[in-house]
């Protein structure tokens, strides 16, 4: 399984029933053999340009592990979904993740050295 990032823009009119829309997305991921690593609600934001005659949307971000065939199936369902007005499903950049891990380790080493000197 490979790591993916999924960002969905949920229609602002269903902001009160947001759980039903996110539950459908979660079920879609799990039914296709995926696993959700991280889920973040970014909140309601103004869009840079109108999408489907909407100026606002509720942003949701997911980090996922998906098998090879799942991204195509998930994309096809999200394309016809009424709740999701736009989505972006991309494979996570492994080089970027490694660089972030190295930076995190460096920061830890610097703080440990600073504590030892005191």
N, C-alpha and C. Protein backbone atom coordinates (compact mmCIF):
# COMPACT_ATOMS: atom_id res chain seq x y z
N UNK A 1 0.84 -1.19 0.00
CA UNK A 1 0.00 0.00 0.00
C UNK A 1 0.88 1.24 0.00
N UNK A 2 0.40 2.25 -0.69
CA UNK A 2 1.14 3.49 -0.81
C UNK A 2 0.41 4.60 -0.07
N UNK A 3 1.17 5.63 0.31
CA UNK A 3 0.60 6.74 1.04
C UNK A 3 0.07 7.79 0.07
N UNK A 4 -1.11 8.31 0.38
CA UNK A 4 -1.75 9.34 -0.43
C UNK A 4 -2.25 10.46 0.47
N UNK A 5 -2.47 11.62 -0.16
CA UNK A 5 -3.11 12.74 0.51
C UNK A 5 -4.39 13.06 -0.26
N UNK A 6 -5.48 13.23 0.47
CA UNK A 6 -6.76 13.55 -0.13
C UNK A 6 -7.29 14.82 0.51
N UNK A 7 -7.58 15.81 -0.30
CA UNK A 7 -8.23 17.03 0.16
C UNK A 7 -9.56 17.14 -0.55
N UNK A 8 -10.61 17.33 0.24
CA UNK A 8 -11.93 17.48 -0.36
C UNK A 8 -12.50 18.83 0.04
N UNK A 9 -13.27 19.41 -0.87
CA UNK A 9 -14.01 20.64 -0.60
C UNK A 9 -15.48 20.26 -0.54
N UNK A 10 -16.05 20.38 0.65
CA UNK A 10 -17.44 19.99 0.87
C UNK A 10 -18.34 21.19 0.62
N UNK A 11 -19.47 20.96 0.02
CA UNK A 11 -20.45 22.00 -0.30
C UNK A 11 -20.83 22.75 0.99
N UNK A 12 -20.80 24.08 0.97
CA UNK A 12 -21.05 24.85 2.20
C UNK A 12 -22.49 24.75 2.72
N UNK A 13 -23.44 24.39 1.86
CA UNK A 13 -24.84 24.28 2.29
C UNK A 13 -25.07 23.10 3.23
N UNK A 14 -24.22 22.11 3.19
CA UNK A 14 -24.39 20.95 4.08
C UNK A 14 -23.44 21.03 5.27
N UNK A 15 -23.07 22.24 5.64
CA UNK A 15 -22.14 22.43 6.76
C UNK A 15 -22.72 21.89 8.06
N UNK A 16 -24.02 21.94 8.23
CA UNK A 16 -24.65 21.43 9.45
C UNK A 16 -24.64 19.91 9.48
N UNK A 17 -24.72 19.26 8.33
CA UNK A 17 -24.70 17.80 8.25
C UNK A 17 -23.36 17.31 7.72
N UNK A 18 -22.31 17.90 8.19
CA UNK A 18 -20.98 17.59 7.70
C UNK A 18 -20.57 16.15 8.00
N UNK A 19 -21.06 15.62 9.11
CA UNK A 19 -20.69 14.25 9.49
C UNK A 19 -21.14 13.24 8.45
N UNK A 20 -22.32 13.43 7.89
CA UNK A 20 -22.81 12.47 6.90
C UNK A 20 -21.92 12.46 5.65
N UNK A 21 -21.47 13.64 5.24
CA UNK A 21 -20.60 13.72 4.06
C UNK A 21 -19.24 13.09 4.34
N UNK A 22 -18.67 13.39 5.50
CA UNK A 22 -17.36 12.83 5.82
C UNK A 22 -17.44 11.33 6.09
N UNK A 23 -18.56 10.88 6.65
CA UNK A 23 -18.74 9.44 6.86
C UNK A 23 -18.79 8.69 5.53
N UNK A 24 -19.40 9.30 4.51
CA UNK A 24 -19.45 8.68 3.19
C UNK A 24 -18.04 8.56 2.59
N UNK A 25 -17.24 9.60 2.78
CA UNK A 25 -15.86 9.59 2.26
C UNK A 25 -15.04 8.54 3.00
N UNK A 26 -15.19 8.49 4.32
CA UNK A 26 -14.46 7.49 5.11
C UNK A 26 -14.86 6.07 4.71
N UNK A 27 -16.16 5.85 4.53
CA UNK A 27 -16.64 4.53 4.12
C UNK A 27 -16.11 4.17 2.74
N UNK A 28 -16.05 5.14 1.86
CA UNK A 28 -15.52 4.92 0.51
C UNK A 28 -14.06 4.47 0.58
N UNK A 29 -13.29 5.11 1.42
CA UNK A 29 -11.87 4.76 1.57
C UNK A 29 -11.72 3.36 2.14
N UNK A 30 -12.44 3.07 3.22
CA UNK A 30 -12.32 1.77 3.87
C UNK A 30 -12.85 0.65 2.98
N UNK A 31 -13.96 0.89 2.28
CA UNK A 31 -14.53 -0.14 1.40
C UNK A 31 -13.59 -0.51 0.26
N UNK A 32 -12.73 0.41 -0.13
CA UNK A 32 -11.77 0.13 -1.21
C UNK A 32 -10.44 -0.37 -0.67
N UNK A 33 -10.40 -0.80 0.58
CA UNK A 33 -9.21 -1.41 1.16
C UNK A 33 -8.21 -0.42 1.70
N UNK A 34 -8.62 0.82 1.89
CA UNK A 34 -7.71 1.84 2.40
C UNK A 34 -7.78 1.99 3.90
N UNK A 35 -6.85 2.77 4.41
CA UNK A 35 -6.81 3.03 5.84
C UNK A 35 -6.48 4.51 6.03
N UNK A 36 -7.22 5.16 6.93
CA UNK A 36 -7.04 6.57 7.20
C UNK A 36 -6.00 6.73 8.30
N UNK A 37 -4.92 7.46 7.99
CA UNK A 37 -3.86 7.71 8.97
C UNK A 37 -4.17 8.96 9.77
N UNK A 38 -4.59 10.00 9.06
CA UNK A 38 -4.82 11.29 9.71
C UNK A 38 -5.99 11.98 9.02
N UNK A 39 -6.83 12.66 9.81
CA UNK A 39 -7.96 13.40 9.28
C UNK A 39 -7.97 14.78 9.93
N UNK A 40 -8.10 15.81 9.11
CA UNK A 40 -8.09 17.18 9.63
C UNK A 40 -9.22 17.98 8.99
N UNK A 41 -9.99 18.66 9.83
CA UNK A 41 -11.01 19.58 9.34
C UNK A 41 -10.37 20.96 9.31
N UNK A 42 -10.16 21.50 8.13
CA UNK A 42 -9.52 22.81 7.98
C UNK A 42 -10.50 23.95 8.13
N UNK A 43 -11.79 23.66 8.16
CA UNK A 43 -12.80 24.68 8.35
C UNK A 43 -13.33 25.26 7.06
N UNK A 44 -14.24 26.21 7.21
CA UNK A 44 -14.85 26.86 6.07
C UNK A 44 -13.97 28.01 5.61
N UNK A 45 -13.65 28.02 4.32
CA UNK A 45 -12.77 29.05 3.77
C UNK A 45 -13.36 29.61 2.48
N UNK A 46 -12.96 30.83 2.18
CA UNK A 46 -13.36 31.46 0.93
C UNK A 46 -12.50 30.90 -0.19
N UNK A 47 -13.14 30.58 -1.29
CA UNK A 47 -12.43 30.03 -2.44
C UNK A 47 -11.80 31.16 -3.27
N UNK A 48 -10.72 30.87 -3.94
CA UNK A 48 -10.05 31.86 -4.79
C UNK A 48 -10.92 32.22 -5.99
N UNK A 49 -11.72 31.28 -6.44
CA UNK A 49 -12.66 31.51 -7.54
C UNK A 49 -13.88 30.63 -7.30
N UNK A 50 -14.98 30.97 -7.90
CA UNK A 50 -16.23 30.23 -7.70
C UNK A 50 -16.14 28.84 -8.30
N UNK A 51 -16.64 27.87 -7.55
CA UNK A 51 -16.74 26.49 -8.03
C UNK A 51 -18.20 26.08 -7.86
N UNK A 52 -18.82 25.69 -8.93
CA UNK A 52 -20.24 25.29 -8.92
C UNK A 52 -21.09 26.39 -8.29
N UNK A 53 -20.80 27.64 -8.64
CA UNK A 53 -21.51 28.83 -8.16
C UNK A 53 -21.40 29.01 -6.65
N UNK A 54 -20.34 28.49 -6.05
CA UNK A 54 -20.12 28.63 -4.61
C UNK A 54 -18.82 29.41 -4.38
N UNK A 55 -18.86 30.32 -3.40
CA UNK A 55 -17.68 31.12 -3.06
C UNK A 55 -16.96 30.60 -1.82
N UNK A 56 -17.61 29.70 -1.06
CA UNK A 56 -17.03 29.13 0.15
C UNK A 56 -17.11 27.61 0.08
N UNK A 57 -16.26 26.95 0.85
CA UNK A 57 -16.30 25.49 0.97
C UNK A 57 -15.66 25.09 2.29
N UNK A 58 -16.02 23.90 2.76
CA UNK A 58 -15.42 23.35 3.97
C UNK A 58 -14.32 22.39 3.52
N UNK A 59 -13.10 22.64 3.98
CA UNK A 59 -11.94 21.86 3.58
C UNK A 59 -11.72 20.70 4.55
N UNK A 60 -11.50 19.52 4.00
CA UNK A 60 -11.10 18.35 4.79
C UNK A 60 -9.84 17.76 4.17
N UNK A 61 -8.91 17.36 5.03
CA UNK A 61 -7.63 16.80 4.59
C UNK A 61 -7.46 15.42 5.21
N UNK A 62 -7.07 14.45 4.39
CA UNK A 62 -6.84 13.08 4.86
C UNK A 62 -5.47 12.61 4.41
N UNK A 63 -4.80 11.86 5.27
CA UNK A 63 -3.62 11.10 4.88
C UNK A 63 -4.04 9.65 4.89
N UNK A 64 -3.76 8.93 3.80
CA UNK A 64 -4.28 7.59 3.58
C UNK A 64 -3.21 6.60 3.16
N UNK A 65 -3.49 5.34 3.41
CA UNK A 65 -2.77 4.23 2.80
C UNK A 65 -3.78 3.53 1.90
N UNK A 66 -3.45 3.42 0.61
CA UNK A 66 -4.38 2.82 -0.35
C UNK A 66 -3.70 1.77 -1.19
N UNK A 67 -4.43 0.70 -1.54
CA UNK A 67 -3.89 -0.26 -2.50
C UNK A 67 -3.89 0.35 -3.91
N UNK A 68 -3.28 -0.32 -4.84
CA UNK A 68 -3.04 0.23 -6.18
C UNK A 68 -4.32 0.61 -6.93
N UNK A 69 -5.36 -0.18 -6.84
CA UNK A 69 -6.57 0.07 -7.63
C UNK A 69 -7.52 1.08 -6.98
N UNK A 70 -7.34 1.39 -5.72
CA UNK A 70 -8.28 2.23 -4.98
C UNK A 70 -8.36 3.68 -5.46
N UNK A 71 -7.26 4.35 -5.81
CA UNK A 71 -7.39 5.77 -6.21
C UNK A 71 -8.34 6.00 -7.39
N UNK A 72 -8.35 5.09 -8.35
CA UNK A 72 -9.23 5.24 -9.51
C UNK A 72 -10.69 5.10 -9.08
N UNK A 73 -10.96 4.12 -8.23
CA UNK A 73 -12.33 3.90 -7.76
C UNK A 73 -12.81 5.08 -6.91
N UNK A 74 -11.96 5.56 -6.03
CA UNK A 74 -12.32 6.68 -5.17
C UNK A 74 -12.57 7.94 -6.01
N UNK A 75 -11.72 8.18 -6.98
CA UNK A 75 -11.88 9.35 -7.85
C UNK A 75 -13.20 9.29 -8.62
N UNK A 76 -13.55 8.11 -9.12
CA UNK A 76 -14.78 8.01 -9.90
C UNK A 76 -16.01 8.28 -9.05
N UNK A 77 -15.99 7.87 -7.80
CA UNK A 77 -17.13 8.12 -6.91
C UNK A 77 -17.17 9.58 -6.49
N UNK A 78 -16.02 10.17 -6.17
CA UNK A 78 -16.00 11.57 -5.74
C UNK A 78 -16.39 12.51 -6.88
N UNK A 79 -16.13 12.12 -8.13
CA UNK A 79 -16.52 12.94 -9.27
C UNK A 79 -18.03 13.13 -9.38
N UNK A 80 -18.80 12.14 -8.99
CA UNK A 80 -20.25 12.23 -9.12
C UNK A 80 -20.94 12.54 -7.79
N UNK A 81 -20.20 12.78 -6.74
CA UNK A 81 -20.77 13.08 -5.44
C UNK A 81 -21.32 14.50 -5.40
N UNK A 82 -22.49 14.65 -4.79
CA UNK A 82 -23.10 15.97 -4.66
C UNK A 82 -22.49 16.77 -3.51
N UNK A 83 -22.06 16.08 -2.46
CA UNK A 83 -21.52 16.77 -1.29
C UNK A 83 -20.14 17.36 -1.55
N UNK A 84 -19.34 16.68 -2.35
CA UNK A 84 -17.97 17.12 -2.62
C UNK A 84 -17.96 17.93 -3.91
N UNK A 85 -17.57 19.22 -3.79
CA UNK A 85 -17.56 20.05 -5.01
C UNK A 85 -16.22 20.00 -5.73
N UNK A 86 -15.16 19.64 -5.03
CA UNK A 86 -13.84 19.50 -5.65
C UNK A 86 -13.00 18.61 -4.74
N UNK A 87 -12.07 17.86 -5.32
CA UNK A 87 -11.17 17.02 -4.53
C UNK A 87 -9.81 16.97 -5.21
N UNK A 88 -8.81 16.59 -4.43
CA UNK A 88 -7.47 16.36 -4.97
C UNK A 88 -6.89 15.16 -4.25
N UNK A 89 -6.59 14.12 -5.00
CA UNK A 89 -6.00 12.90 -4.48
C UNK A 89 -4.64 12.72 -5.12
N UNK A 90 -3.58 12.84 -4.31
CA UNK A 90 -2.21 12.73 -4.83
C UNK A 90 -1.41 11.77 -3.96
N UNK A 91 -0.43 11.17 -4.60
CA UNK A 91 0.48 10.29 -3.88
C UNK A 91 1.43 11.14 -3.05
N UNK A 92 1.68 10.72 -1.83
CA UNK A 92 2.53 11.48 -0.93
C UNK A 92 3.98 11.41 -1.40
N UNK A 93 4.64 12.54 -1.38
CA UNK A 93 6.02 12.63 -1.83
C UNK A 93 6.94 12.03 -0.76
N UNK A 94 7.57 10.92 -1.07
CA UNK A 94 8.43 10.23 -0.11
C UNK A 94 9.69 11.03 0.22
N UNK A 95 10.21 11.73 -0.79
CA UNK A 95 11.42 12.54 -0.54
C UNK A 95 11.12 13.66 0.43
N UNK A 96 9.98 14.27 0.29
CA UNK A 96 9.60 15.36 1.19
C UNK A 96 9.44 14.83 2.62
N UNK A 97 8.83 13.67 2.75
CA UNK A 97 8.64 13.08 4.08
C UNK A 97 9.98 12.76 4.73
N UNK A 98 10.92 12.25 3.94
CA UNK A 98 12.25 11.96 4.49
C UNK A 98 12.96 13.23 4.92
N UNK A 99 12.83 14.29 4.12
CA UNK A 99 13.47 15.56 4.48
C UNK A 99 12.87 16.13 5.76
N UNK A 100 11.55 16.04 5.90
CA UNK A 100 10.90 16.53 7.12
C UNK A 100 11.36 15.72 8.33
N UNK A 101 11.52 14.42 8.15
CA UNK A 101 11.99 13.57 9.25
C UNK A 101 13.42 13.95 9.65
N UNK A 102 14.29 14.21 8.67
CA UNK A 102 15.66 14.61 8.97
C UNK A 102 15.70 15.95 9.69
N UNK A 103 14.85 16.90 9.26
CA UNK A 103 14.80 18.20 9.92
C UNK A 103 14.32 18.06 11.35
N UNK A 104 13.37 17.19 11.58
CA UNK A 104 12.86 16.95 12.92
C UNK A 104 13.97 16.36 13.81
N UNK A 105 14.73 15.41 13.26
CA UNK A 105 15.83 14.81 14.01
C UNK A 105 16.91 15.83 14.33
N UNK A 106 17.21 16.71 13.39
CA UNK A 106 18.21 17.76 13.63
C UNK A 106 17.77 18.69 14.75
N UNK A 107 16.50 19.07 14.75
CA UNK A 107 16.00 19.94 15.81
C UNK A 107 16.09 19.26 17.16
N UNK A 108 15.79 17.96 17.20
CA UNK A 108 15.89 17.22 18.45
C UNK A 108 17.33 17.16 18.92
N UNK A 109 18.28 16.93 17.99
CA UNK A 109 19.69 16.87 18.35
C UNK A 109 20.18 18.21 18.89
N UNK A 110 19.74 19.30 18.27
CA UNK A 110 20.15 20.63 18.70
C UNK A 110 19.63 20.92 20.11
N UNK A 111 18.37 20.56 20.38
CA UNK A 111 17.81 20.81 21.71
C UNK A 111 18.48 19.92 22.76
N UNK A 112 18.84 18.69 22.38
CA UNK A 112 19.53 17.80 23.32
C UNK A 112 20.92 18.33 23.65
N UNK A 113 21.63 18.83 22.65
CA UNK A 113 22.97 19.38 22.87
C UNK A 113 22.87 20.63 23.75
N UNK A 114 21.86 21.46 23.52
CA UNK A 114 21.66 22.65 24.32
C UNK A 114 21.38 22.33 25.77
N UNK A 115 20.62 21.26 26.02
CA UNK A 115 20.30 20.85 27.39
C UNK A 115 21.52 20.29 28.09
N UNK A 116 22.38 19.57 27.37
CA UNK A 116 23.57 18.99 27.96
C UNK A 116 24.57 20.06 28.38
N UNK A 117 24.63 21.15 27.63
CA UNK A 117 25.57 22.23 27.94
C UNK A 117 25.15 22.99 29.19
N UNK A 118 23.89 22.98 29.52
CA UNK A 118 23.41 23.69 30.71
C UNK A 118 23.72 22.92 31.90
